PDB file of N, CA and C in Angstrom:
ATOM      1  N   MET A   1       0.844  -1.169   0.000  1.00  0.00           N
ATOM      2  CA  MET A   1       0.000   0.000   0.000  1.00  0.00           C
ATOM      3  C   MET A   1       0.890   1.233   0.000  1.00  0.00           C
ATOM      4  N   ASN A   2       0.517   2.199  -0.767  1.00  0.00           N
ATOM      5  CA  ASN A   2       1.273   3.440  -0.846  1.00  0.00           C
ATOM      6  C   ASN A   2       1.367   4.082   0.543  1.00  0.00           C
ATOM      7  N   THR A   3       2.538   4.594   0.888  1.00  0.00           N
ATOM      8  CA  THR A   3       2.711   5.150   2.236  1.00  0.00           C
ATOM      9  C   THR A   3       1.825   6.366   2.462  1.00  0.00           C
ATOM     10  N   LEU A   4       1.558   7.152   1.416  1.00  0.00           N
ATOM     11  CA  LEU A   4       0.675   8.308   1.565  1.00  0.00           C
ATOM     12  C   LEU A   4      -0.739   7.851   1.914  1.00  0.00           C
ATOM     13  N   ILE A   5      -1.197   6.825   1.225  1.00  0.00           N
ATOM     14  CA  ILE A   5      -2.533   6.283   1.516  1.00  0.00           C
ATOM     15  C   ILE A   5      -2.559   5.683   2.916  1.00  0.00           C
ATOM     16  N   GLN A   6      -1.478   4.990   3.282  1.00  0.00           N
ATOM     17  CA  GLN A   6      -1.395   4.387   4.610  1.00  0.00           C
ATOM     18  C   GLN A   6      -1.449   5.460   5.694  1.00  0.00           C
ATOM     19  N   LYS A   7      -0.726   6.559   5.490  1.00  0.00           N
ATOM     20  CA  LYS A   7      -0.756   7.653   6.462  1.00  0.00           C
ATOM     21  C   LYS A   7      -2.132   8.294   6.523  1.00  0.00           C
ATOM     22  N   ALA A   8      -2.794   8.459   5.363  1.00  0.00           N
ATOM     23  CA  ALA A   8      -4.136   9.046   5.338  1.00  0.00           C
ATOM     24  C   ALA A   8      -5.122   8.174   6.109  1.00  0.00           C
ATOM     25  N   VAL A   9      -5.005   6.873   5.946  1.00  0.00           N
ATOM     26  CA  VAL A   9      -5.883   5.952   6.669  1.00  0.00           C
ATOM     27  C   VAL A   9      -5.650   6.069   8.175  1.00  0.00           C
ATOM     28  N   LEU A  10      -4.378   6.164   8.579  1.00  0.00           N
ATOM     29  CA  LEU A  10      -4.073   6.291  10.011  1.00  0.00           C
ATOM     30  C   LEU A  10      -4.638   7.586  10.584  1.00  0.00           C
ATOM     31  N   TYR A  11      -4.532   8.690   9.839  1.00  0.00           N
ATOM     32  CA  TYR A  11      -5.071   9.948  10.336  1.00  0.00           C
ATOM     33  C   TYR A  11      -6.595   9.907  10.400  1.00  0.00           C
ATOM     34  N   LYS A  12      -7.233   9.245   9.434  1.00  0.00           N
ATOM     35  CA  LYS A  12      -8.692   9.097   9.491  1.00  0.00           C
ATOM     36  C   LYS A  12      -9.093   8.255  10.695  1.00  0.00           C
ATOM     37  N   MET A  13      -8.316   7.216  10.976  1.00  0.00           N
ATOM     38  CA  MET A  13      -8.594   6.389  12.157  1.00  0.00           C
ATOM     39  C   MET A  13      -8.408   7.206  13.433  1.00  0.00           C
ATOM     40  N   ALA A  14      -7.388   8.057  13.469  1.00  0.00           N
ATOM     41  CA  ALA A  14      -7.173   8.904  14.646  1.00  0.00           C
ATOM     42  C   ALA A  14      -8.350   9.852  14.849  1.00  0.00           C
ATOM     43  N   ILE A  15      -8.878  10.399  13.759  1.00  0.00           N
ATOM     44  CA  ILE A  15     -10.048  11.284  13.864  1.00  0.00           C
ATOM     45  C   ILE A  15     -11.253  10.503  14.370  1.00  0.00           C
ATOM     46  N   LEU A  16     -11.452   9.301  13.835  1.00  0.00           N
ATOM     47  CA  LEU A  16     -12.570   8.464  14.290  1.00  0.00           C
ATOM     48  C   LEU A  16     -12.430   8.131  15.771  1.00  0.00           C
ATOM     49  N   ILE A  17     -11.226   7.780  16.201  1.00  0.00           N
ATOM     50  CA  ILE A  17     -11.005   7.484  17.618  1.00  0.00           C
ATOM     51  C   ILE A  17     -11.268   8.720  18.464  1.00  0.00           C
ATOM     52  N   GLY A  18     -10.860   9.900  17.973  1.00  0.00           N
ATOM     53  CA  GLY A  18     -11.144  11.147  18.688  1.00  0.00           C
ATOM     54  C   GLY A  18     -12.636  11.398  18.832  1.00  0.00           C
ATOM     55  N   VAL A  19     -13.386  11.129  17.775  1.00  0.00           N
ATOM     56  CA  VAL A  19     -14.848  11.293  17.828  1.00  0.00           C
ATOM     57  C   VAL A  19     -15.449  10.316  18.838  1.00  0.00           C
ATOM     58  N   LEU A  20     -14.967   9.084  18.819  1.00  0.00           N
ATOM     59  CA  LEU A  20     -15.490   8.098  19.771  1.00  0.00           C
ATOM     60  C   LEU A  20     -15.119   8.460  21.212  1.00  0.00           C
ATOM     61  N   PHE A  21     -13.901   8.971  21.432  1.00  0.00           N
ATOM     62  CA  PHE A  21     -13.529   9.457  22.761  1.00  0.00           C
ATOM     63  C   PHE A  21     -14.471  10.568  23.192  1.00  0.00           C
ATOM     64  N   SER A  22     -14.785  11.472  22.262  1.00  0.00           N
ATOM     65  CA  SER A  22     -15.670  12.586  22.570  1.00  0.00           C
ATOM     66  C   SER A  22     -17.064  12.110  22.953  1.00  0.00           C
ATOM     67  N   ILE A  23     -17.616  11.210  22.163  1.00  0.00           N
ATOM     68  CA  ILE A  23     -18.951  10.675  22.453  1.00  0.00           C
ATOM     69  C   ILE A  23     -18.952   9.961  23.800  1.00  0.00           C
ATOM     70  N   ASN A  24     -17.924   9.171  24.050  1.00  0.00           N
ATOM     71  CA  ASN A  24     -17.835   8.428  25.308  1.00  0.00           C
ATOM     72  C   ASN A  24     -17.738   9.375  26.505  1.00  0.00           C
ATOM     73  N   ALA A  25     -16.899  10.387  26.394  1.00  0.00           N
ATOM     74  CA  ALA A  25     -16.741  11.331  27.505  1.00  0.00           C
ATOM     75  C   ALA A  25     -18.036  12.089  27.770  1.00  0.00           C
ATOM     76  N   LEU A  26     -18.689  12.536  26.701  1.00  0.00           N
ATOM     77  CA  LEU A  26     -19.951  13.254  26.881  1.00  0.00           C
ATOM     78  C   LEU A  26     -21.033  12.353  27.470  1.00  0.00           C
ATOM     79  N   ALA A  27     -21.127  11.145  26.976  1.00  0.00           N
ATOM     80  CA  ALA A  27     -22.153  10.228  27.494  1.00  0.00           C
ATOM     81  C   ALA A  27     -21.929   9.916  28.971  1.00  0.00           C
ATOM     82  N   ASP A  28     -20.675   9.670  29.355  1.00  0.00           N
ATOM     83  CA  ASP A  28     -20.376   9.379  30.762  1.00  0.00           C
ATOM     84  C   ASP A  28     -20.798  10.516  31.676  1.00  0.00           C
ATOM     85  N   VAL A  29     -20.409  11.720  31.331  1.00  0.00           N
ATOM     86  CA  VAL A  29     -20.689  12.843  32.225  1.00  0.00           C
ATOM     87  C   VAL A  29     -22.169  13.240  32.196  1.00  0.00           C
ATOM     88  N   ILE A  30     -22.825  13.079  31.061  1.00  0.00           N
ATOM     89  CA  ILE A  30     -24.253  13.400  31.006  1.00  0.00           C
ATOM     90  C   ILE A  30     -25.043  12.412  31.863  1.00  0.00           C
ATOM     91  N   VAL A  31     -24.725  11.144  31.758  1.00  0.00           N
ATOM     92  CA  VAL A  31     -25.412  10.144  32.580  1.00  0.00           C
ATOM     93  C   VAL A  31     -25.165  10.418  34.063  1.00  0.00           C
ATOM     94  N   ALA A  32     -23.911  10.696  34.415  1.00  0.00           N
ATOM     95  CA  ALA A  32     -23.597  10.966  35.819  1.00  0.00           C
ATOM     96  C   ALA A  32     -24.276  12.236  36.314  1.00  0.00           C
ATOM     97  N   SER A  33     -24.353  13.251  35.476  1.00  0.00           N
ATOM     98  CA  SER A  33     -24.952  14.530  35.888  1.00  0.00           C
ATOM     99  C   SER A  33     -26.458  14.436  36.080  1.00  0.00           C
ATOM    100  N   PHE A  34     -27.113  13.647  35.256  1.00  0.00           N
ATOM    101  CA  PHE A  34     -28.572  13.601  35.305  1.00  0.00           C
ATOM    102  C   PHE A  34     -29.137  12.389  36.039  1.00  0.00           C
ATOM    103  N   LEU A  35     -28.284  11.642  36.697  1.00  0.00           N
ATOM    104  CA  LEU A  35     -28.754  10.504  37.450  1.00  0.00           C
ATOM    105  C   LEU A  35     -29.600  11.002  38.627  1.00  0.00           C
ATOM    106  N   ASN A  36     -30.846  10.574  38.685  1.00  0.00           N
ATOM    107  CA  ASN A  36     -31.797  10.981  39.735  1.00  0.00           C
ATOM    108  C   ASN A  36     -32.025  12.484  39.795  1.00  0.00           C
ATOM    109  N   VAL A  37     -31.937  13.164  38.645  1.00  0.00           N
ATOM    110  CA  VAL A  37     -32.172  14.616  38.584  1.00  0.00           C
ATOM    111  C   VAL A  37     -33.274  14.880  37.565  1.00  0.00           C
ATOM    112  N   GLU A  38     -34.265  15.642  37.988  1.00  0.00           N
ATOM    113  CA  GLU A  38     -35.329  16.068  37.084  1.00  0.00           C
ATOM    114  C   GLU A  38     -35.024  17.505  36.672  1.00  0.00           C
ATOM    115  N   TRP A  39     -34.687  17.711  35.395  1.00  0.00           N
ATOM    116  CA  TRP A  39     -34.235  19.006  34.894  1.00  0.00           C
ATOM    117  C   TRP A  39     -35.223  20.121  35.226  1.00  0.00           C
ATOM    118  N   SER A  40     -36.487  19.859  35.131  1.00  0.00           N
ATOM    119  CA  SER A  40     -37.493  20.911  35.343  1.00  0.00           C
ATOM    120  C   SER A  40     -37.625  21.324  36.806  1.00  0.00           C
ATOM    121  N   THR A  41     -37.095  20.520  37.729  1.00  0.00           N
ATOM    122  CA  THR A  41     -37.265  20.859  39.148  1.00  0.00           C
ATOM    123  C   THR A  41     -36.019  21.466  39.786  1.00  0.00           C
ATOM    124  N   ILE A  42     -34.906  21.539  39.081  1.00  0.00           N
ATOM    125  CA  ILE A  42     -33.690  22.094  39.688  1.00  0.00           C
ATOM    126  C   ILE A  42     -33.575  23.577  39.369  1.00  0.00           C
ATOM    127  N   SER A  43     -32.796  24.258  40.176  1.00  0.00           N
ATOM    128  CA  SER A  43     -32.650  25.711  40.030  1.00  0.00           C
ATOM    129  C   SER A  43     -31.769  26.051  38.830  1.00  0.00           C
ATOM    130  N   ALA A  44     -31.792  27.334  38.462  1.00  0.00           N
ATOM    131  CA  ALA A  44     -30.979  27.812  37.340  1.00  0.00           C
ATOM    132  C   ALA A  44     -29.492  27.641  37.646  1.00  0.00           C
ATOM    133  N   THR A  45     -29.118  27.836  38.905  1.00  0.00           N
ATOM    134  CA  THR A  45     -27.712  27.656  39.291  1.00  0.00           C
ATOM    135  C   THR A  45     -27.284  26.208  39.117  1.00  0.00           C
ATOM    136  N   SER A  46     -28.115  25.277  39.510  1.00  0.00           N
ATOM    137  CA  SER A  46     -27.802  23.859  39.350  1.00  0.00           C
ATOM    138  C   SER A  46     -27.710  23.479  37.874  1.00  0.00           C
ATOM    139  N   LYS A  47     -28.598  24.025  37.061  1.00  0.00           N
ATOM    140  CA  LYS A  47     -28.537  23.765  35.621  1.00  0.00           C
ATOM    141  C   LYS A  47     -27.222  24.280  35.043  1.00  0.00           C
ATOM    142  N   PHE A  48     -26.838  25.488  35.447  1.00  0.00           N
ATOM    143  CA  PHE A  48     -25.584  26.064  34.970  1.00  0.00           C
ATOM    144  C   PHE A  48     -24.400  25.205  35.398  1.00  0.00           C
ATOM    145  N   LEU A  49     -24.390  24.762  36.638  1.00  0.00           N
ATOM    146  CA  LEU A  49     -23.293  23.932  37.129  1.00  0.00           C
ATOM    147  C   LEU A  49     -23.215  22.586  36.405  1.00  0.00           C
ATOM    148  N   ILE A  50     -24.361  22.001  36.096  1.00  0.00           N
ATOM    149  CA  ILE A  50     -24.365  20.745  35.344  1.00  0.00           C
ATOM    150  C   ILE A  50     -23.743  20.952  33.970  1.00  0.00           C
ATOM    151  N   VAL A  51     -24.099  22.028  33.296  1.00  0.00           N
ATOM    152  CA  VAL A  51     -23.533  22.321  31.976  1.00  0.00           C
ATOM    153  C   VAL A  51     -22.022  22.552  32.079  1.00  0.00           C
ATOM    154  N   VAL A  52     -21.590  23.278  33.103  1.00  0.00           N
ATOM    155  CA  VAL A  52     -20.153  23.528  33.295  1.00  0.00           C
ATOM    156  C   VAL A  52     -19.407  22.217  33.535  1.00  0.00           C
ATOM    157  N   VAL A  53     -19.953  21.343  34.355  1.00  0.00           N
ATOM    158  CA  VAL A  53     -19.305  20.056  34.645  1.00  0.00           C
ATOM    159  C   VAL A  53     -19.228  19.202  33.379  1.00  0.00           C
ATOM    160  N   ILE A  54     -20.274  19.215  32.567  1.00  0.00           N
ATOM    161  CA  ILE A  54     -20.253  18.456  31.310  1.00  0.00           C
ATOM    162  C   ILE A  54     -19.143  18.969  30.397  1.00  0.00           C
ATOM    163  N   ILE A  55     -19.057  20.284  30.226  1.00  0.00           N
ATOM    164  CA  ILE A  55     -18.021  20.872  29.363  1.00  0.00           C
ATOM    165  C   ILE A  55     -16.633  20.606  29.926  1.00  0.00           C
ATOM    166  N   LYS A  56     -16.470  20.721  31.223  1.00  0.00           N
ATOM    167  CA  LYS A  56     -15.162  20.508  31.850  1.00  0.00           C
ATOM    168  C   LYS A  56     -14.696  19.071  31.693  1.00  0.00           C
ATOM    169  N   SER A  57     -15.564  18.133  31.940  1.00  0.00           N
ATOM    170  CA  SER A  57     -15.196  16.724  31.834  1.00  0.00           C
ATOM    171  C   SER A  57     -14.882  16.347  30.394  1.00  0.00           C
ATOM    172  N   TRP A  58     -15.711  16.779  29.466  1.00  0.00           N
ATOM    173  CA  TRP A  58     -15.492  16.486  28.059  1.00  0.00           C
ATOM    174  C   TRP A  58     -14.185  17.098  27.565  1.00  0.00           C
ATOM    175  N   SER A  59     -13.953  18.363  27.892  1.00  0.00           N
ATOM    176  CA  SER A  59     -12.732  19.024  27.405  1.00  0.00           C
ATOM    177  C   SER A  59     -11.481  18.395  28.012  1.00  0.00           C
ATOM    178  N   GLY A  60     -11.538  17.951  29.258  1.00  0.00           N
ATOM    179  CA  GLY A  60     -10.385  17.290  29.874  1.00  0.00           C
ATOM    180  C   GLY A  60     -10.020  16.002  29.160  1.00  0.00           C
ATOM    181  N   THR A  61     -11.024  15.218  28.822  1.00  0.00           N
ATOM    182  CA  THR A  61     -10.778  13.977  28.093  1.00  0.00           C
ATOM    183  C   THR A  61     -10.228  14.260  26.703  1.00  0.00           C
ATOM    184  N   MET A  62     -10.780  15.229  26.015  1.00  0.00           N
ATOM    185  CA  MET A  62     -10.326  15.543  24.662  1.00  0.00           C
ATOM    186  C   MET A  62      -8.921  16.143  24.673  1.00  0.00           C
ATOM    187  N   LEU A  63      -8.614  16.974  25.657  1.00  0.00           N
ATOM    188  CA  LEU A  63      -7.254  17.514  25.762  1.00  0.00           C
ATOM    189  C   LEU A  63      -6.234  16.402  25.960  1.00  0.00           C
ATOM    190  N   ALA A  64      -6.552  15.429  26.790  1.00  0.00           N
ATOM    191  CA  ALA A  64      -5.638  14.307  27.006  1.00  0.00           C
ATOM    192  C   ALA A  64      -5.444  13.516  25.717  1.00  0.00           C
ATOM    193  N   PHE A  65      -6.524  13.276  24.979  1.00  0.00           N
ATOM    194  CA  PHE A  65      -6.414  12.543  23.719  1.00  0.00           C
ATOM    195  C   PHE A  65      -5.570  13.312  22.711  1.00  0.00           C
ATOM    196  N   PHE A  66      -5.855  14.598  22.535  1.00  0.00           N
ATOM    197  CA  PHE A  66      -5.104  15.398  21.556  1.00  0.00           C
ATOM    198  C   PHE A  66      -3.643  15.547  21.952  1.00  0.00           C
ATOM    199  N   ASN A  67      -3.387  15.697  23.243  1.00  0.00           N
ATOM    200  CA  ASN A  67      -2.012  15.824  23.710  1.00  0.00           C
ATOM    201  C   ASN A  67      -1.214  14.569  23.378  1.00  0.00           C
ATOM    202  N   LYS A  68      -1.792  13.404  23.638  1.00  0.00           N
ATOM    203  CA  LYS A  68      -1.104  12.147  23.340  1.00  0.00           C
ATOM    204  C   LYS A  68      -0.919  11.973  21.837  1.00  0.00           C
ATOM    205  N   THR A  69      -1.950  12.281  21.071  1.00  0.00           N
ATOM    206  CA  THR A  69      -1.871  12.130  19.617  1.00  0.00           C
ATOM    207  C   THR A  69      -0.825  13.058  19.022  1.00  0.00           C
ATOM    208  N   LEU A  70      -0.822  14.317  19.443  1.00  0.00           N
ATOM    209  CA  LEU A  70       0.148  15.274  18.901  1.00  0.00           C
ATOM    210  C   LEU A  70       1.571  14.945  19.311  1.00  0.00           C
ATOM    211  N   SER A  71       1.764  14.449  20.519  1.00  0.00           N
ATOM    212  CA  SER A  71       3.120  14.084  20.938  1.00  0.00           C
ATOM    213  C   SER A  71       3.624  12.881  20.140  1.00  0.00           C
ATOM    214  N   ARG A  72       2.724  11.956  19.788  1.00  0.00           N
ATOM    215  CA  ARG A  72       3.132  10.828  18.936  1.00  0.00           C
ATOM    216  C   ARG A  72       3.521  11.323  17.551  1.00  0.00           C
ATOM    217  N   ILE A  73       2.754  12.234  16.985  1.00  0.00           N
ATOM    218  CA  ILE A  73       3.054  12.762  15.659  1.00  0.00           C
ATOM    219  C   ILE A  73       4.375  13.526  15.675  1.00  0.00           C
ATOM    220  N   GLU A  74       4.577  14.365  16.703  1.00  0.00           N
ATOM    221  CA  GLU A  74       5.815  15.145  16.795  1.00  0.00           C
ATOM    222  C   GLU A  74       7.043  14.259  16.939  1.00  0.00           C
ATOM    223  N   SER A  75       6.891  13.093  17.548  1.00  0.00           N
ATOM    224  CA  SER A  75       8.036  12.200  17.715  1.00  0.00           C
ATOM    225  C   SER A  75       8.231  11.283  16.505  1.00  0.00           C
ATOM    226  N   GLY A  76       7.441  11.502  15.452  1.00  0.00           N
ATOM    227  CA  GLY A  76       7.601  10.733  14.227  1.00  0.00           C
ATOM    228  C   GLY A  76       6.850   9.426  14.206  1.00  0.00           C
ATOM    229  N   LYS A  77       5.973   9.223  15.169  1.00  0.00           N
ATOM    230  CA  LYS A  77       5.178   7.998  15.225  1.00  0.00           C
ATOM    231  C   LYS A  77       3.822   8.264  14.588  1.00  0.00           C
ATOM    232  N   PRO A  78       3.097   7.205  14.206  1.00  0.00           N
ATOM    233  CA  PRO A  78       1.748   7.419  13.687  1.00  0.00           C
ATOM    234  C   PRO A  78       0.839   7.948  14.801  1.00  0.00           C
ATOM    235  N   PRO A  79      -0.252   8.625  14.440  1.00  0.00           N
ATOM    236  CA  PRO A  79      -1.125   9.209  15.463  1.00  0.00           C
ATOM    237  C   PRO A  79      -1.733   8.199  16.418  1.00  0.00           C
ATOM    238  N   ILE A  80      -1.932   6.972  15.953  1.00  0.00           N
ATOM    239  CA  ILE A  80      -2.420   5.900  16.819  1.00  0.00           C
ATOM    240  C   ILE A  80      -1.439   4.741  16.721  1.00  0.00           C
ATOM    241  N   ASP A  81      -1.342   3.971  17.772  1.00  0.00           N
ATOM    242  CA  ASP A  81      -0.403   2.861  17.794  1.00  0.00           C
ATOM    243  C   ASP A  81      -0.909   1.750  16.895  1.00  0.00           C
ATOM    244  N   THR A  82      -0.117   1.413  15.886  1.00  0.00           N
ATOM    245  CA  THR A  82      -0.520   0.389  14.928  1.00  0.00           C
ATOM    246  C   THR A  82       0.262  -0.900  15.098  1.00  0.00           C
ATOM    247  N   GLY A  83       1.375  -0.828  15.799  1.00  0.00           N
ATOM    248  CA  GLY A  83       2.244  -1.984  15.906  1.00  0.00           C
ATOM    249  C   GLY A  83       3.173  -2.121  14.710  1.00  0.00           C
ATOM    250  N   ASN A  84       2.998  -1.243  13.721  1.00  0.00           N
ATOM    251  CA  ASN A  84       3.828  -1.259  12.521  1.00  0.00           C
ATOM    252  C   ASN A  84       5.093  -0.456  12.786  1.00  0.00           C
ATOM    253  N   THR A  85       6.230  -1.113  12.811  1.00  0.00           N
ATOM    254  CA  THR A  85       7.482  -0.417  13.094  1.00  0.00           C
ATOM    255  C   THR A  85       8.112   0.158  11.837  1.00  0.00           C
ATOM    256  N   ASP A  86       7.545  -0.116  10.662  1.00  0.00           N
ATOM    257  CA  ASP A  86       8.088   0.416   9.409  1.00  0.00           C
ATOM    258  C   ASP A  86       7.475   1.757   9.039  1.00  0.00           C
ATOM    259  N   PHE A  87       6.586   2.298   9.872  1.00  0.00           N
ATOM    260  CA  PHE A  87       5.930   3.561   9.564  1.00  0.00           C
ATOM    261  C   PHE A  87       6.946   4.687   9.462  1.00  0.00           C
ATOM    262  N   ILE A  88       7.915   4.679  10.353  1.00  0.00           N
ATOM    263  CA  ILE A  88       8.942   5.715  10.366  1.00  0.00           C
ATOM    264  C   ILE A  88      10.074   5.253   9.467  1.00  0.00           C
ATOM    265  N   SER A  89      10.464   6.124   8.549  1.00  0.00           N
ATOM    266  CA  SER A  89      11.562   5.723   7.682  1.00  0.00           C
ATOM    267  C   SER A  89      12.843   5.668   8.491  1.00  0.00           C
ATOM    268  N   LYS A  90      13.544   4.614   8.294  1.00  0.00           N
ATOM    269  CA  LYS A  90      14.777   4.410   9.056  1.00  0.00           C
ATOM    270  C   LYS A  90      15.894   5.254   8.434  1.00  0.00           C
ATOM    271  N   PRO A  91      16.781   5.821   9.251  1.00  0.00           N
ATOM    272  CA  PRO A  91      17.852   6.645   8.699  1.00  0.00           C
ATOM    273  C   PRO A  91      18.779   5.808   7.822  1.00  0.00           C
ATOM    274  N   GLN A  92      19.178   6.402   6.739  1.00  0.00           N
ATOM    275  CA  GLN A  92      20.082   5.738   5.810  1.00  0.00           C
ATOM    276  C   GLN A  92      21.529   5.943   6.275  1.00  0.00           C
ATOM    277  N   PRO A  93      22.340   4.907   6.233  1.00  0.00           N
ATOM    278  CA  PRO A  93      23.743   5.071   6.642  1.00  0.00           C
ATOM    279  C   PRO A  93      24.472   5.945   5.634  1.00  0.00           C
ATOM    280  N   THR A  94      25.354   6.747   6.150  1.00  0.00           N
ATOM    281  CA  THR A  94      26.166   7.610   5.294  1.00  0.00           C
ATOM    282  C   THR A  94      27.534   6.983   5.128  1.00  0.00           C
ATOM    283  N   ASN A  95      28.110   7.206   3.977  1.00  0.00           N
ATOM    284  CA  ASN A  95      29.447   6.673   3.689  1.00  0.00           C
ATOM    285  C   ASN A  95      30.486   7.714   4.011  1.00  0.00           C
ATOM    286  N   GLN A  96      30.832   7.787   5.262  1.00  0.00           N
ATOM    287  CA  GLN A  96      31.863   8.744   5.683  1.00  0.00           C
ATOM    288  C   GLN A  96      33.132   7.972   6.002  1.00  0.00           C
ATOM    289  N   PRO A  97      34.263   8.511   5.518  1.00  0.00           N
ATOM    290  CA  PRO A  97      35.531   7.823   5.807  1.00  0.00           C
ATOM    291  C   PRO A  97      35.961   7.947   7.234  1.00  0.00           C
TER     292      PRO A  97
END
C-alpha cells in the first residue's frame, strides 16, 4: 500500500477514535450529571453547574487525547499505535571515511 494512503488511513482512524472518545466522555458525564435529577425541578444555578461540569469533563478527556496524539506525531510515530514499526523511515547510513 502506498505510504501516503497508509498515512491518510491512520489519520482518518485517529479522527474516528477522537470522535469516539468525545462521544464516550460526553455520554459518561451526562449520565452521571442527570442521574436521579429532574431538569425541570432544579434551580438555574444547578442547571448552569451541570452544563459547566459536562463541558469541563469532556474538554479534559479531549485535551488528554489530543495531547497524546500530537506528541506521537511530533516524535515521528503514527497518530495511533498500529504496531507497525516500518511507519517511520529508518535513517540511511552515510558513507563517511
